Amino acid sequence: MDICKMPENASKCSGSTMECFMVLSTQAQKISIATLCCLFGTLCVFENSLVLYLIFSSPGTRKKPSYIFISSLALADILASIIFVCSFVNFHVFNGSGFSKEAFLLQLGGVNTSFSASLSSLLLTALDRYVSISRPSEYKLLMTRKRAWTALGVLWASCAAVASLPLLGWNCCTLDSSCSELFPFVDDKYLSGWVCLTLLLLGCIVYAYAHVLWRARQHVAYMEQHQAQGGKQNTRMRMDVRLAKTLVMVLAVLVLCWSPVLVLMIYSVFSRLSDRLREAFAFCSTLCLLNSMVNPIIYALRSKELNSSLRRVFSHFRRQLKAPEESPEAESTHRSSVVET
């Protein structure tokens, strides 16, 4: 395995570079990390898979650009959860240091691609909401399904390209440069660039949502003054305002969960981290899974269309459970009602 320049506070480590980044020293820490990762990861995969099913099983939602972007967010969270949990638990809990440099950077690239795509999907959703609220009469012409899928294709390709740079050669082993204190083989300058890109995405999302909220407040004031006029238009405005508020809640959770990780990444670029801070970074990383787990809950609670689809799924599931207890005639009647629905 390649031996690269190790962090100063890891100079006391012996053996391969990978072992110097295994910061969990006690069995209690390893059990805690494994429990959090398995719990958050399992719930994240289940909830986001349910969101994807609800979106694509309903013709009314799978054709809308807003839900196309949300489905991209759900897919990114699923991939990030699977790759992150498997690699993170194997590395920190089971001390799996048998990976080659290329295999480790491939796993890290998968996690970075998924989390970057998640942030970028939120940005596209923010832009979609802003166009919907600020230019409702032109929204269907400006935001078509073809443009939505094209934007997602560019998004995922860009995220994958940036995340693959360490694997393609921008790492401290190939360049013989200073390695990051937080990730094996990762060049300090690449980590700085990735953090800057992430902060730029967050800044653009916050800026876009600020405009969404401003337009939403204007529409709320308009609806209060014209409650008796334009029923259909007011209904559309209420839906746009509700979805805008939902996505702001998603953004708030995102910032709260990602702030500790980003702060420690920034701090590691300018100063050396103590062993305690490196342990704290390992635990803060699980907050990214928490963010991915909470997002679908917000969708189910705030989106009337997804909430309605979820109720239909549960209702159908209950009928299926009751069917064996009923007579053949009643079972046939239930099947007919399901087909009509």
Foldseek 3Di string as FASTA:
>chain_A
DFAADADPQLPVDDDHNLLSQLLDDDLVLLVVLLVLLVVLLVLLLVLLVLLLCLQVVDPVRVFDLLSVLVNQLSVLLNQLSVLCSVVLSCCRNVVPPVDDPLVQLVSQLSNQLSVQSNLVSLLVSLVLLLCCLVPVVCSCVVDGPVVSVVVSVVSSVVSSVLSCVLSVQQFCRNVSADHFNNDPRHHLVSLVVSLVVSVVSLVSSVVSLVSSVVSLVVLVVVCVVPVPPDPVVNVSSVLSSLVSVLSVVLSVLVCVLCVLLSVLSVCRSVDPDDSVSSSVNSVSVSSSSVSSSCSSVSCCVRPPSSVVSVVVVVVVVVLVVCLVVDDPVVNVVVVVVVVVD
